[in-house]
């Protein structure tokens, strides 16, 4: 199982995301939405292979109780995302 996981990560060409950058983006998203403590966020950096994509994207999932999960994207790698990018992506 561990070998398979390592293979996927290497095949996509992306190292494991920086935990500090992930925490920072989650905090910015929570603040931008003025979200309650019950709201959960997932932040992932993905490699998009579609020629129309920018390559690396940061995807933020917003999971509020009783509301359909929504996904917001920033067309940058996780370490390059700014607070202004988050505000714009969340539409706040």
Protein backbone atom coordinates (compact mmCIF):
# COMPACT_ATOMS: atom_id res chain seq x y z
CA UNK A 1 0.00 0.00 0.00
CA UNK A 2 2.75 2.49 0.89
CA UNK A 3 4.54 1.77 -2.38
CA UNK A 4 1.38 2.54 -4.35
CA UNK A 5 0.92 5.87 -2.55
CA UNK A 6 4.50 6.90 -3.21
CA UNK A 7 4.11 5.95 -6.87
CA UNK A 8 1.04 8.18 -7.26
CA UNK A 9 2.73 11.15 -5.65
CA UNK A 10 5.82 10.80 -7.84
CA UNK A 11 3.79 10.13 -11.00
CA UNK A 12 1.91 13.40 -10.50
CA UNK A 13 5.16 15.25 -9.97
CA UNK A 14 3.98 17.05 -6.86
CA UNK A 15 5.59 16.77 -3.45
CA UNK A 16 3.50 16.56 -0.31
CA UNK A 17 1.87 19.92 0.45
CA UNK A 18 3.45 22.22 3.02
CA UNK A 19 1.38 21.87 6.23
CA UNK A 20 2.03 25.52 7.18
CA UNK A 21 0.70 26.73 3.82
CA UNK A 22 -2.35 24.49 4.21
CA UNK A 23 -3.09 25.88 7.69
CA UNK A 24 -2.60 29.44 6.44
CA UNK A 25 -5.05 29.00 3.54
CA UNK A 26 -7.64 27.37 5.83
CA UNK A 27 -7.36 30.27 8.28
CA UNK A 28 -7.77 32.83 5.49
CA UNK A 29 -10.81 30.98 4.14
CA UNK A 30 -12.40 30.76 7.59
CA UNK A 31 -11.83 34.48 8.19
CA UNK A 32 -13.07 35.50 4.72
CA UNK A 33 -16.31 33.58 5.21
CA UNK A 34 -16.65 34.43 8.90
CA UNK A 35 -17.30 30.69 9.22
CA UNK A 36 -18.43 29.02 12.41
CA UNK A 37 -16.30 26.45 14.21
CA UNK A 38 -18.59 23.77 12.73
CA UNK A 39 -17.42 24.59 9.20
CA UNK A 40 -14.65 22.33 7.91
CA UNK A 41 -12.15 23.13 5.18
CA UNK A 42 -10.01 20.89 3.02
CA UNK A 43 -7.15 22.40 1.05
CA UNK A 44 -5.31 20.46 -1.64
CA UNK A 45 -2.83 21.28 -4.35
CA UNK A 46 -3.51 19.35 -7.53
CA UNK A 47 -1.80 18.92 -10.86
CA UNK A 48 -4.28 19.45 -13.66
CA UNK A 49 -3.32 17.66 -16.87
CA UNK A 50 -5.96 19.39 -19.01
CA UNK A 51 -4.22 21.77 -21.47
CA UNK A 52 -6.70 24.51 -20.48
CA UNK A 53 -5.57 24.32 -16.83
CA UNK A 54 -2.73 26.36 -15.35
CA UNK A 55 -0.87 23.22 -14.20
CA UNK A 56 -0.92 23.53 -10.41
CA UNK A 57 -4.16 24.53 -8.73
CA UNK A 58 -5.15 24.95 -5.13
CA UNK A 59 -8.61 23.59 -4.37
CA UNK A 60 -10.50 24.62 -1.24
CA UNK A 61 -13.51 22.61 -0.12
CA UNK A 62 -15.91 24.40 2.21
CA UNK A 63 -18.06 21.99 4.23
CA UNK A 64 -20.76 23.73 6.26
CA UNK A 65 -23.26 21.66 8.24
CA UNK A 66 -26.56 21.32 6.36
CA UNK A 67 -25.20 22.99 3.20
CA UNK A 68 -23.87 21.32 0.07
CA UNK A 69 -20.06 21.24 -0.02
CA UNK A 70 -18.59 23.78 -2.40
CA UNK A 71 -15.23 23.84 -4.11
CA UNK A 72 -13.25 26.95 -4.93
CA UNK A 73 -10.09 26.98 -7.02
CA UNK A 74 -7.06 29.23 -7.17
CA UNK A 75 -4.93 28.86 -10.29
CA UNK A 76 -1.67 28.77 -8.34
CA UNK A 77 0.35 26.31 -6.35
CA UNK A 78 -0.42 26.24 -2.63
CA UNK A 79 2.75 28.05 -1.57
CA UNK A 80 1.97 30.95 -3.95
CA UNK A 81 -1.62 31.56 -2.80
CA UNK A 82 -2.28 34.89 -1.10
CA UNK A 83 -5.07 36.03 1.17
CA UNK A 84 -6.43 38.15 -1.69
CA UNK A 85 -6.58 35.02 -3.88
CA UNK A 86 -8.69 33.30 -1.23
CA UNK A 87 -11.08 36.24 -0.87
CA UNK A 88 -11.53 36.36 -4.66
CA UNK A 89 -12.02 32.59 -5.00
CA UNK A 90 -14.62 32.51 -2.23
CA UNK A 91 -16.46 35.48 -3.66
CA UNK A 92 -16.43 37.45 -0.44
